Amino acid sequence: MKGQTYVILAIILVIIVAIFAVINVDPVEVNYLFLTQESPLILVILFSVLMGGIITASVGAMRIYRLQREIKLLKAENVTLSQSLDENGIPIQSEKKDLKVDLEDNDTPIK
């Protein structure tokens, strides 16, 4: 459901940008640091949106790569620690115990 929401919002954003770009077709002067040139405003808008998408996607891809690498290292560390516990004769608890909190015994109000 969460993925569908992002797709719908992305489609709405693309439609809004496309309408905004089509309305603004007048030529504008663009300064490229060393060069000044006239370009249609629609191209400037679409290029800016495209570059924003590429930059956002690359930052997201770097974060995903970093998190995957961290998961790989943590899994390797977990295996090493499990082997160390096994070698020392310490049993590994595979089941998690349910922690239940009795709210009646707690006198502090929840904010």
PDB file of N, CA and C in Angstrom:
ATOM      1  N   MET A   1       0.817  -1.194   0.000  1.00  0.00           N
ATOM      2  CA  MET A   1       0.000   0.000   0.000  1.00  0.00           C
ATOM      3  C   MET A   1       0.859   1.255   0.000  1.00  0.00           C
ATOM      4  N   LYS A   2       1.963   1.215   0.744  1.00  0.00           N
ATOM      5  CA  LYS A   2       2.841   2.377   0.833  1.00  0.00           C
ATOM      6  C   LYS A   2       3.480   2.679  -0.524  1.00  0.00           C
ATOM      7  N   GLY A   3       3.856   1.627  -1.258  1.00  0.00           N
ATOM      8  CA  GLY A   3       4.467   1.807  -2.564  1.00  0.00           C
ATOM      9  C   GLY A   3       3.501   2.419  -3.564  1.00  0.00           C
ATOM     10  N   GLN A   4       2.230   2.021  -3.486  1.00  0.00           N
ATOM     11  CA  GLN A   4       1.222   2.566  -4.384  1.00  0.00           C
ATOM     12  C   GLN A   4       1.010   4.054  -4.128  1.00  0.00           C
ATOM     13  N   THR A   5       1.078   4.449  -2.879  1.00  0.00           N
ATOM     14  CA  THR A   5       0.913   5.861  -2.536  1.00  0.00           C
ATOM     15  C   THR A   5       2.029   6.691  -3.157  1.00  0.00           C
ATOM     16  N   TYR A   6       3.270   6.178  -3.087  1.00  0.00           N
ATOM     17  CA  TYR A   6       4.394   6.898  -3.682  1.00  0.00           C
ATOM     18  C   TYR A   6       4.241   7.000  -5.198  1.00  0.00           C
ATOM     19  N   VAL A   7       3.772   5.944  -5.840  1.00  0.00           N
ATOM     20  CA  VAL A   7       3.586   5.969  -7.294  1.00  0.00           C
ATOM     21  C   VAL A   7       2.517   6.986  -7.667  1.00  0.00           C
ATOM     22  N   ILE A   8       1.418   6.992  -6.941  1.00  0.00           N
ATOM     23  CA  ILE A   8       0.343   7.945  -7.232  1.00  0.00           C
ATOM     24  C   ILE A   8       0.819   9.380  -7.027  1.00  0.00           C
ATOM     25  N   LEU A   9       1.538   9.629  -5.929  1.00  0.00           N
ATOM     26  CA  LEU A   9       2.066  10.977  -5.689  1.00  0.00           C
ATOM     27  C   LEU A   9       3.076  11.383  -6.770  1.00  0.00           C
ATOM     28  N   ALA A  10       3.894  10.438  -7.219  1.00  0.00           N
ATOM     29  CA  ALA A  10       4.865  10.731  -8.277  1.00  0.00           C
ATOM     30  C   ALA A  10       4.152  11.070  -9.582  1.00  0.00           C
ATOM     31  N   ILE A  11       3.103  10.338  -9.913  1.00  0.00           N
ATOM     32  CA  ILE A  11       2.348  10.625 -11.140  1.00  0.00           C
ATOM     33  C   ILE A  11       1.706  12.008 -11.060  1.00  0.00           C
ATOM     34  N   ILE A  12       1.136  12.335  -9.903  1.00  0.00           N
ATOM     35  CA  ILE A  12       0.530  13.665  -9.731  1.00  0.00           C
ATOM     36  C   ILE A  12       1.583  14.759  -9.878  1.00  0.00           C
ATOM     37  N   LEU A  13       2.758  14.548  -9.279  1.00  0.00           N
ATOM     38  CA  LEU A  13       3.835  15.535  -9.385  1.00  0.00           C
ATOM     39  C   LEU A  13       4.292  15.695 -10.833  1.00  0.00           C
ATOM     40  N   VAL A  14       4.417  14.588 -11.566  1.00  0.00           N
ATOM     41  CA  VAL A  14       4.825  14.654 -12.977  1.00  0.00           C
ATOM     42  C   VAL A  14       3.795  15.422 -13.796  1.00  0.00           C
ATOM     43  N   ILE A  15       2.518  15.200 -13.537  1.00  0.00           N
ATOM     44  CA  ILE A  15       1.466  15.918 -14.272  1.00  0.00           C
ATOM     45  C   ILE A  15       1.532  17.417 -13.973  1.00  0.00           C
ATOM     46  N   ILE A  16       1.725  17.772 -12.703  1.00  0.00           N
ATOM     47  CA  ILE A  16       1.816  19.196 -12.330  1.00  0.00           C
ATOM     48  C   ILE A  16       3.019  19.857 -13.001  1.00  0.00           C
ATOM     49  N   VAL A  17       4.179  19.177 -12.984  1.00  0.00           N
ATOM     50  CA  VAL A  17       5.385  19.735 -13.620  1.00  0.00           C
ATOM     51  C   VAL A  17       5.180  19.862 -15.123  1.00  0.00           C
ATOM     52  N   ALA A  18       4.561  18.857 -15.746  1.00  0.00           N
ATOM     53  CA  ALA A  18       4.335  18.907 -17.191  1.00  0.00           C
ATOM     54  C   ALA A  18       3.412  20.070 -17.556  1.00  0.00           C
ATOM     55  N   ILE A  19       2.344  20.262 -16.815  1.00  0.00           N
ATOM     56  CA  ILE A  19       1.434  21.383 -17.086  1.00  0.00           C
ATOM     57  C   ILE A  19       2.157  22.714 -16.891  1.00  0.00           C
ATOM     58  N   PHE A  20       2.926  22.820 -15.795  1.00  0.00           N
ATOM     59  CA  PHE A  20       3.684  24.037 -15.528  1.00  0.00           C
ATOM     60  C   PHE A  20       4.690  24.312 -16.646  1.00  0.00           C
ATOM     61  N   ALA A  21       5.345  23.268 -17.136  1.00  0.00           N
ATOM     62  CA  ALA A  21       6.345  23.446 -18.198  1.00  0.00           C
ATOM     63  C   ALA A  21       5.695  23.843 -19.519  1.00  0.00           C
ATOM     64  N   VAL A  22       4.571  23.238 -19.849  1.00  0.00           N
ATOM     65  CA  VAL A  22       3.901  23.543 -21.121  1.00  0.00           C
ATOM     66  C   VAL A  22       3.366  24.975 -21.124  1.00  0.00           C
ATOM     67  N   ILE A  23       2.949  25.461 -19.976  1.00  0.00           N
ATOM     68  CA  ILE A  23       2.448  26.844 -19.894  1.00  0.00           C
ATOM     69  C   ILE A  23       3.582  27.842 -20.128  1.00  0.00           C
ATOM     70  N   ASN A  24       4.795  27.513 -19.681  1.00  0.00           N
ATOM     71  CA  ASN A  24       5.931  28.432 -19.766  1.00  0.00           C
ATOM     72  C   ASN A  24       6.855  28.033 -20.930  1.00  0.00           C
ATOM     73  N   VAL A  25       6.501  28.494 -22.131  1.00  0.00           N
ATOM     74  CA  VAL A  25       7.295  28.149 -23.315  1.00  0.00           C
ATOM     75  C   VAL A  25       8.105  29.327 -23.851  1.00  0.00           C
ATOM     76  N   ASP A  26       8.055  30.458 -23.194  1.00  0.00           N
ATOM     77  CA  ASP A  26       8.782  31.635 -23.662  1.00  0.00           C
ATOM     78  C   ASP A  26      10.291  31.410 -23.580  1.00  0.00           C
ATOM     79  N   PRO A  27      11.031  31.999 -24.511  1.00  0.00           N
ATOM     80  CA  PRO A  27      12.496  31.872 -24.432  1.00  0.00           C
ATOM     81  C   PRO A  27      13.049  32.724 -23.287  1.00  0.00           C
ATOM     82  N   VAL A  28      14.041  32.176 -22.585  1.00  0.00           N
ATOM     83  CA  VAL A  28      14.692  32.896 -21.492  1.00  0.00           C
ATOM     84  C   VAL A  28      16.194  32.814 -21.692  1.00  0.00           C
ATOM     85  N   GLU A  29      16.885  33.772 -21.121  1.00  0.00           N
ATOM     86  CA  GLU A  29      18.342  33.783 -21.191  1.00  0.00           C
ATOM     87  C   GLU A  29      18.899  33.004 -20.008  1.00  0.00           C
ATOM     88  N   VAL A  30      19.735  31.999 -20.306  1.00  0.00           N
ATOM     89  CA  VAL A  30      20.310  31.144 -19.269  1.00  0.00           C
ATOM     90  C   VAL A  30      21.813  31.381 -19.243  1.00  0.00           C
ATOM     91  N   ASN A  31      22.356  31.628 -18.057  1.00  0.00           N
ATOM     92  CA  ASN A  31      23.786  31.860 -17.896  1.00  0.00           C
ATOM     93  C   ASN A  31      24.444  30.558 -17.448  1.00  0.00           C
ATOM     94  N   TYR A  32      25.302  29.972 -18.287  1.00  0.00           N
ATOM     95  CA  TYR A  32      26.018  28.735 -17.995  1.00  0.00           C
ATOM     96  C   TYR A  32      27.436  29.017 -17.515  1.00  0.00           C
ATOM     97  N   LEU A  33      27.621  29.957 -16.628  1.00  0.00           N
ATOM     98  CA  LEU A  33      28.898  30.412 -16.087  1.00  0.00           C
ATOM     99  C   LEU A  33      29.767  31.059 -17.151  1.00  0.00           C
ATOM    100  N   PHE A  34      30.175  30.326 -18.172  1.00  0.00           N
ATOM    101  CA  PHE A  34      31.061  30.872 -19.211  1.00  0.00           C
ATOM    102  C   PHE A  34      30.316  31.201 -20.500  1.00  0.00           C
ATOM    103  N   LEU A  35      29.055  30.835 -20.569  1.00  0.00           N
ATOM    104  CA  LEU A  35      28.290  30.999 -21.798  1.00  0.00           C
ATOM    105  C   LEU A  35      26.884  31.453 -21.435  1.00  0.00           C
ATOM    106  N   THR A  36      26.355  32.369 -22.224  1.00  0.00           N
ATOM    107  CA  THR A  36      24.974  32.807 -22.046  1.00  0.00           C
ATOM    108  C   THR A  36      24.224  32.483 -23.319  1.00  0.00           C
ATOM    109  N   GLN A  37      23.073  31.829 -23.142  1.00  0.00           N
ATOM    110  CA  GLN A  37      22.331  31.379 -24.316  1.00  0.00           C
ATOM    111  C   GLN A  37      20.843  31.459 -24.030  1.00  0.00           C
ATOM    112  N   GLU A  38      20.045  31.690 -25.070  1.00  0.00           N
ATOM    113  CA  GLU A  38      18.595  31.682 -24.920  1.00  0.00           C
ATOM    114  C   GLU A  38      18.085  30.266 -25.130  1.00  0.00           C
ATOM    115  N   SER A  39      17.214  29.847 -24.223  1.00  0.00           N
ATOM    116  CA  SER A  39      16.605  28.519 -24.311  1.00  0.00           C
ATOM    117  C   SER A  39      15.130  28.648 -23.945  1.00  0.00           C
ATOM    118  N   PRO A  40      14.305  27.775 -24.499  1.00  0.00           N
ATOM    119  CA  PRO A  40      12.895  27.802 -24.082  1.00  0.00           C
ATOM    120  C   PRO A  40      12.776  27.427 -22.602  1.00  0.00           C
ATOM    121  N   LEU A  41      11.919  28.119 -21.904  1.00  0.00           N
ATOM    122  CA  LEU A  41      11.750  27.891 -20.472  1.00  0.00           C
ATOM    123  C   LEU A  41      11.292  26.464 -20.180  1.00  0.00           C
ATOM    124  N   ILE A  42      10.539  25.866 -21.104  1.00  0.00           N
ATOM    125  CA  ILE A  42      10.085  24.493 -20.908  1.00  0.00           C
ATOM    126  C   ILE A  42      11.282  23.540 -20.781  1.00  0.00           C
ATOM    127  N   LEU A  43      12.331  23.777 -21.577  1.00  0.00           N
ATOM    128  CA  LEU A  43      13.524  22.919 -21.495  1.00  0.00           C
ATOM    129  C   LEU A  43      14.279  23.140 -20.196  1.00  0.00           C
ATOM    130  N   VAL A  44      14.342  24.376 -19.747  1.00  0.00           N
ATOM    131  CA  VAL A  44      15.017  24.680 -18.478  1.00  0.00           C
ATOM    132  C   VAL A  44      14.288  23.996 -17.326  1.00  0.00           C
ATOM    133  N   ILE A  45      12.962  24.067 -17.327  1.00  0.00           N
ATOM    134  CA  ILE A  45      12.170  23.444 -16.261  1.00  0.00           C
ATOM    135  C   ILE A  45      12.338  21.927 -16.285  1.00  0.00           C
ATOM    136  N   LEU A  46      12.177  21.316 -17.449  1.00  0.00           N
ATOM    137  CA  LEU A  46      12.280  19.855 -17.542  1.00  0.00           C
ATOM    138  C   LEU A  46      13.685  19.361 -17.208  1.00  0.00           C
ATOM    139  N   PHE A  47      14.704  20.098 -17.637  1.00  0.00           N
ATOM    140  CA  PHE A  47      16.083  19.710 -17.319  1.00  0.00           C
ATOM    141  C   PHE A  47      16.330  19.814 -15.817  1.00  0.00           C
ATOM    142  N   SER A  48      15.790  20.854 -15.189  1.00  0.00           N
ATOM    143  CA  SER A  48      15.966  21.023 -13.744  1.00  0.00           C
ATOM    144  C   SER A  48      15.289  19.890 -12.967  1.00  0.00           C
ATOM    145  N   VAL A  49      14.087  19.524 -13.386  1.00  0.00           N
ATOM    146  CA  VAL A  49      13.370  18.423 -12.724  1.00  0.00           C
ATOM    147  C   VAL A  49      14.116  17.110 -12.934  1.00  0.00           C
ATOM    148  N   LEU A  50      14.622  16.886 -14.147  1.00  0.00           N
ATOM    149  CA  LEU A  50      15.372  15.668 -14.441  1.00  0.00           C
ATOM    150  C   LEU A  50      16.635  15.579 -13.598  1.00  0.00           C
ATOM    151  N   MET A  51      17.373  16.671 -13.493  1.00  0.00           N
ATOM    152  CA  MET A  51      18.594  16.666 -12.680  1.00  0.00           C
ATOM    153  C   MET A  51      18.269  16.470 -11.197  1.00  0.00           C
ATOM    154  N   GLY A  52      17.192  17.062 -10.720  1.00  0.00           N
ATOM    155  CA  GLY A  52      16.772  16.852  -9.339  1.00  0.00           C
ATOM    156  C   GLY A  52      16.439  15.388  -9.070  1.00  0.00           C
ATOM    157  N   GLY A  53      15.768  14.745 -10.019  1.00  0.00           N
ATOM    158  CA  GLY A  53      15.447  13.323  -9.884  1.00  0.00           C
ATOM    159  C   GLY A  53      16.691  12.461  -9.890  1.00  0.00           C
ATOM    160  N   ILE A  54      17.636  12.766 -10.774  1.00  0.00           N
ATOM    161  CA  ILE A  54      18.875  11.994 -10.852  1.00  0.00           C
ATOM    162  C   ILE A  54      19.694  12.141  -9.573  1.00  0.00           C
ATOM    163  N   ILE A  55      19.796  13.360  -9.073  1.00  0.00           N
ATOM    164  CA  ILE A  55      20.556  13.595  -7.836  1.00  0.00           C
ATOM    165  C   ILE A  55      19.889  12.877  -6.658  1.00  0.00           C
ATOM    166  N   THR A  56      18.563  12.975  -6.553  1.00  0.00           N
ATOM    167  CA  THR A  56      17.847  12.305  -5.478  1.00  0.00           C
ATOM    168  C   THR A  56      18.007  10.790  -5.554  1.00  0.00           C
ATOM    169  N   ALA A  57      17.896  10.227  -6.756  1.00  0.00           N
ATOM    170  CA  ALA A  57      18.042   8.783  -6.940  1.00  0.00           C
ATOM    171  C   ALA A  57      19.451   8.320  -6.604  1.00  0.00           C
ATOM    172  N   SER A  58      20.470   9.103  -6.981  1.00  0.00           N
ATOM    173  CA  SER A  58      21.845   8.693  -6.692  1.00  0.00           C
ATOM    174  C   SER A  58      22.135   8.738  -5.192  1.00  0.00           C
ATOM    175  N   VAL A  59      21.606   9.740  -4.494  1.00  0.00           N
ATOM    176  CA  VAL A  59      21.785   9.806  -3.041  1.00  0.00           C
ATOM    177  C   VAL A  59      21.076   8.626  -2.378  1.00  0.00           C
ATOM    178  N   GLY A  60      19.882   8.305  -2.836  1.00  0.00           N
ATOM    179  CA  GLY A  60      19.150   7.159  -2.305  1.00  0.00           C
ATOM    180  C   GLY A  60      19.868   5.850  -2.576  1.00  0.00           C
ATOM    181  N   ALA A  61      20.434   5.705  -3.780  1.00  0.00           N
ATOM    182  CA  ALA A  61      21.173   4.485  -4.116  1.00  0.00           C
ATOM    183  C   ALA A  61      22.421   4.338  -3.250  1.00  0.00           C
ATOM    184  N   MET A  62      23.112   5.445  -2.990  1.00  0.00           N
ATOM    185  CA  MET A  62      24.290   5.387  -2.119  1.00  0.00           C
ATOM    186  C   MET A  62      23.889   4.971  -0.707  1.00  0.00           C
ATOM    187  N   ARG A  63      22.764   5.478  -0.226  1.00  0.00           N
ATOM    188  CA  ARG A  63      22.313   5.118   1.121  1.00  0.00           C
ATOM    189  C   ARG A  63      21.944   3.642   1.183  1.00  0.00           C
ATOM    190  N   ILE A  64      21.253   3.151   0.175  1.00  0.00           N
ATOM    191  CA  ILE A  64      20.886   1.729   0.146  1.00  0.00           C
ATOM    192  C   ILE A  64      22.135   0.869   0.109  1.00  0.00           C
ATOM    193  N   TYR A  65      23.117   1.240  -0.710  1.00  0.00           N
ATOM    194  CA  TYR A  65      24.366   0.486  -0.788  1.00  0.00           C
ATOM    195  C   TYR A  65      25.067   0.458   0.570  1.00  0.00           C
ATOM    196  N   ARG A  66      25.126   1.602   1.233  1.00  0.00           N
ATOM    197  CA  ARG A  66      25.776   1.694   2.537  1.00  0.00           C
ATOM    198  C   ARG A  66      25.053   0.826   3.580  1.00  0.00           C
ATOM    199  N   LEU A  67      23.726   0.849   3.566  1.00  0.00           N
ATOM    200  CA  LEU A  67      22.959   0.042   4.510  1.00  0.00           C
ATOM    201  C   LEU A  67      23.122  -1.453   4.232  1.00  0.00           C
ATOM    202  N   GLN A  68      23.163  -1.844   2.957  1.00  0.00           N
ATOM    203  CA  GLN A  68      23.375  -3.250   2.612  1.00  0.00           C
ATOM    204  C   GLN A  68      24.749  -3.717   3.060  1.00  0.00           C
ATOM    205  N   ARG A  69      25.743  -2.864   2.903  1.00  0.00           N
ATOM    206  CA  ARG A  69      27.090  -3.216   3.343  1.00  0.00           C
ATOM    207  C   ARG A  69      27.136  -3.361   4.864  1.00  0.00           C
ATOM    208  N   GLU A  70      26.432  -2.468   5.580  1.00  0.00           N
ATOM    209  CA  GLU A  70      26.385  -2.550   7.029  1.00  0.00           C
ATOM    210  C   GLU A  70      25.686  -3.831   7.483  1.00  0.00           C
ATOM    211  N   ILE A  71      24.593  -4.211   6.803  1.00  0.00           N
ATOM    212  CA  ILE A  71      23.892  -5.445   7.129  1.00  0.00           C
ATOM    213  C   ILE A  71      24.806  -6.644   6.928  1.00  0.00           C
ATOM    214  N   LYS A  72      25.560  -6.637   5.840  1.00  0.00           N
ATOM    215  CA  LYS A  72      26.494  -7.737   5.560  1.00  0.00           C
ATOM    216  C   LYS A  72      27.546  -7.850   6.670  1.00  0.00           C
ATOM    217  N   LEU A  73      28.097  -6.726   7.100  1.00  0.00           N
ATOM    218  CA  LEU A  73      29.094  -6.739   8.175  1.00  0.00           C
ATOM    219  C   LEU A  73      28.488  -7.204   9.497  1.00  0.00           C
ATOM    220  N   LEU A  74      27.273  -6.764   9.799  1.00  0.00           N
ATOM    221  CA  LEU A  74      26.620  -7.164  11.040  1.00  0.00           C
ATOM    222  C   LEU A  74      26.272  -8.652  11.044  1.00  0.00           C
ATOM    223  N   LYS A  75      25.880  -9.178   9.892  1.00  0.00           N
ATOM    224  CA  LYS A  75      25.614 -10.614   9.803  1.00  0.00           C
ATOM    225  C   LYS A  75      26.887 -11.415  10.018  1.00  0.00           C
ATOM    226  N   ALA A  76      27.992 -10.948   9.430  1.00  0.00           N
ATOM    227  CA  ALA A  76      29.275 -11.636   9.621  1.00  0.00           C
ATOM    228  C   ALA A  76      29.690 -11.576  11.088  1.00  0.00           C
ATOM    229  N   GLU A  77      29.488 -10.435  11.738  1.00  0.00           N
ATOM    230  CA  GLU A  77      29.815 -10.301  13.156  1.00  0.00           C
ATOM    231  C   GLU A  77      28.927 -11.207  14.006  1.00  0.00           C
ATOM    232  N   ASN A  78      27.666 -11.324  13.631  1.00  0.00           N
ATOM    233  CA  ASN A  78      26.734 -12.191  14.348  1.00  0.00           C
ATOM    234  C   ASN A  78      27.173 -13.649  14.256  1.00  0.00           C
ATOM    235  N   VAL A  79      27.598 -14.072  13.067  1.00  0.00           N
ATOM    236  CA  VAL A  79      28.081 -15.447  12.899  1.00  0.00           C
ATOM    237  C   VAL A  79      29.325 -15.672  13.744  1.00  0.00           C
ATOM    238  N   THR A  80      30.236 -14.728  13.739  1.00  0.00           N
ATOM    239  CA  THR A  80      31.461 -14.845  14.536  1.00  0.00           C
ATOM    240  C   THR A  80      31.148 -14.941  16.026  1.00  0.00           C
ATOM    241  N   LEU A  81      30.259 -14.085  16.511  1.00  0.00           N
ATOM    242  CA  LEU A  81      29.889 -14.114  17.929  1.00  0.00           C
ATOM    243  C   LEU A  81      29.141 -15.402  18.284  1.00  0.00           C
ATOM    244  N   SER A  82      28.294 -15.882  17.380  1.00  0.00           N
ATOM    245  CA  SER A  82      27.589 -17.140  17.628  1.00  0.00           C
ATOM    246  C   SER A  82      28.564 -18.304  17.719  1.00  0.00           C
ATOM    247  N   GLN A  83      29.561 -18.318  16.841  1.00  0.00           N
ATOM    248  CA  GLN A  83      30.579 -19.374  16.891  1.00  0.00           C
ATOM    249  C   GLN A  83      31.385 -19.282  18.181  1.00  0.00           C
ATOM    250  N   SER A  84      31.691 -18.067  18.619  1.00  0.00           N
ATOM    251  CA  SER A  84      32.438 -17.877  19.850  1.00  0.00           C
ATOM    252  C   SER A  84      31.633 -18.371  21.059  1.00  0.00           C
ATOM    253  N   LEU A  85      30.337 -18.068  21.075  1.00  0.00           N
ATOM    254  CA  LEU A  85      29.485 -18.561  22.155  1.00  0.00           C
ATOM    255  C   LEU A  85      29.408 -20.079  22.140  1.00  0.00           C
ATOM    256  N   ASP A  86      29.285 -20.645  20.956  1.00  0.00           N
ATOM    257  CA  ASP A  86      29.205 -22.098  20.823  1.00  0.00           C
ATOM    258  C   ASP A  86      30.500 -22.771  21.289  1.00  0.00           C
ATOM    259  N   GLU A  87      31.632 -22.168  20.958  1.00  0.00           N
ATOM    260  CA  GLU A  87      32.918 -22.733  21.366  1.00  0.00           C
ATOM    261  C   GLU A  87      33.086 -22.699  22.884  1.00  0.00           C
ATOM    262  N   ASN A  88      32.516 -21.699  23.537  1.00  0.00           N
ATOM    263  CA  ASN A  88      32.627 -21.569  24.991  1.00  0.00           C
ATOM    264  C   ASN A  88      31.522 -22.309  25.738  1.00  0.00           C
ATOM    265  N   GLY A  89      30.670 -23.009  25.021  1.00  0.00           N
ATOM    266  CA  GLY A  89      29.620 -23.803  25.642  1.00  0.00           C
ATOM    267  C   GLY A  89      28.451 -23.005  26.152  1.00  0.00           C
ATOM    268  N   ILE A  90      28.258 -21.798  25.653  1.00  0.00           N
ATOM    269  CA  ILE A  90      27.137 -20.964  26.073  1.00  0.00           C
ATOM    270  C   ILE A  90      25.996 -21.182  25.084  1.00  0.00           C
ATOM    271  N   PRO A  91      24.820 -21.612  25.562  1.00  0.00           N
ATOM    272  CA  PRO A  91      23.718 -21.867  24.624  1.00  0.00           C
ATOM    273  C   PRO A  91      23.183 -20.557  24.036  1.00  0.00           C
ATOM    274  N   ILE A  92      22.760 -20.644  22.804  1.00  0.00           N
ATOM    275  CA  ILE A  92      22.203 -19.479  22.101  1.00  0.00           C
ATOM    276  C   ILE A  92      20.690 -19.584  22.163  1.00  0.00           C
ATOM    277  N   GLN A  93      20.036 -18.554  22.656  1.00  0.00           N
ATOM    278  CA  GLN A  93      18.577 -18.542  22.719  1.00  0.00           C
ATOM    279  C   GLN A  93      18.050 -18.049  21.387  1.00  0.00           C
ATOM    280  N   SER A  94      17.323 -18.898  20.679  1.00  0.00           N
ATOM    281  CA  SER A  94      16.811 -18.515  19.375  1.00  0.00           C
ATOM    282  C   SER A  94      15.417 -17.913  19.456  1.00  0.00           C
ATOM    283  N   GLU A  95      14.696 -18.211  20.541  1.00  0.00           N
ATOM    284  CA  GLU A  95      13.350 -17.672  20.676  1.00  0.00           C
ATOM    285  C   GLU A  95      13.384 -16.398  21.515  1.00  0.00           C
ATOM    286  N   LYS A  96      12.641 -15.426  21.076  1.00  0.00           N
ATOM    287  CA  LYS A  96      12.551 -14.173  21.827  1.00  0.00           C
ATOM    288  C   LYS A  96      11.418 -14.292  22.825  1.00  0.00           C
ATOM    289  N   LYS A  97      11.657 -13.848  24.030  1.00  0.00           N
ATOM    290  CA  LYS A  97      10.625 -13.869  25.050  1.00  0.00           C
ATOM    291  C   LYS A  97       9.755 -12.630  24.894  1.00  0.00           C
ATOM    292  N   ASP A  98       8.460 -12.858  25.071  1.00  0.00           N
ATOM    293  CA  ASP A  98       7.521 -11.739  24.987  1.00  0.00           C
ATOM    294  C   ASP A  98       7.615 -10.909  26.254  1.00  0.00           C
ATOM    295  N   LEU A  99       7.791  -9.648  26.092  1.00  0.00           N
ATOM    296  CA  LEU A  99       7.823  -8.730  27.230  1.00  0.00           C
ATOM    297  C   LEU A  99       6.462  -8.073  27.350  1.00  0.00           C
ATOM    298  N   LYS A 100       5.830  -8.302  28.492  1.00  0.00           N
ATOM    299  CA  LYS A 100       4.515  -7.716  28.718  1.00  0.00           C
ATOM    300  C   LYS A 100       4.626  -6.679  29.811  1.00  0.00           C
ATOM    301  N   VAL A 101       4.016  -5.562  29.584  1.00  0.00           N
ATOM    302  CA  VAL A 101       4.046  -4.479  30.549  1.00  0.00           C
ATOM    303  C   VAL A 101       2.648  -4.331  31.119  1.00  0.00           C
ATOM    304  N   ASP A 102       2.545  -4.396  32.422  1.00  0.00           N
ATOM    305  CA  ASP A 102       1.276  -4.216  33.088  1.00  0.00           C
ATOM    306  C   ASP A 102       1.083  -2.724  33.335  1.00  0.00           C
ATOM    307  N   LEU A 103       0.138  -2.155  32.618  1.00  0.00           N
ATOM    308  CA  LEU A 103      -0.062  -0.712  32.699  1.00  0.00           C
ATOM    309  C   LEU A 103      -0.719  -0.297  34.013  1.00  0.00           C
ATOM    310  N   GLU A 104      -1.419  -1.228  34.688  1.00  0.00           N
ATOM    311  CA  GLU A 104      -2.080  -0.865  35.941  1.00  0.00           C
ATOM    312  C   GLU A 104      -1.064  -0.608  37.047  1.00  0.00           C
ATOM    313  N   ASP A 105       0.092  -1.281  37.018  1.00  0.00           N
ATOM    314  CA  ASP A 105       1.095  -1.102  38.051  1.00  0.00           C
ATOM    315  C   ASP A 105       1.894   0.188  37.863  1.00  0.00           C
ATOM    316  N   ASN A 106       1.813   0.757  36.678  1.00  0.00           N
ATOM    317  CA  ASN A 106       2.582   1.963  36.373  1.00  0.00           C
ATOM    318  C   ASN A 106       1.750   3.184  36.712  1.00  0.00           C
ATOM    319  N   ASP A 107       2.199   3.990  37.659  1.00  0.00           N
ATOM    320  CA  ASP A 107       1.456   5.160  38.110  1.00  0.00           C
ATOM    321  C   ASP A 107       1.754   6.423  37.308  1.00  0.00           C
ATOM    322  N   THR A 108       2.809   6.392  36.484  1.00  0.00           N
ATOM    323  CA  THR A 108       3.176   7.601  35.738  1.00  0.00           C
ATOM    324  C   THR A 108       2.280   7.741  34.514  1.00  0.00           C
ATOM    325  N   PRO A 109       1.771   8.935  34.267  1.00  0.00           N
ATOM    326  CA  PRO A 109       0.896   9.141  33.088  1.00  0.00           C
ATOM    327  C   PRO A 109       1.729   9.140  31.797  1.00  0.00           C
ATOM    328  N   ILE A 110       1.127   8.675  30.751  1.00  0.00           N
ATOM    329  CA  ILE A 110       1.771   8.671  29.424  1.00  0.00           C
ATOM    330  C   ILE A 110       1.405   9.955  28.713  1.00  0.00           C
ATOM    331  N   LYS A 111       2.431  10.636  28.228  1.00  0.00           N
ATOM    332  CA  LYS A 111       2.186  11.908  27.544  1.00  0.00           C
ATOM    333  C   LYS A 111       2.166  11.709  26.061  1.00  0.00           C
TER     334      LYS A 111
END
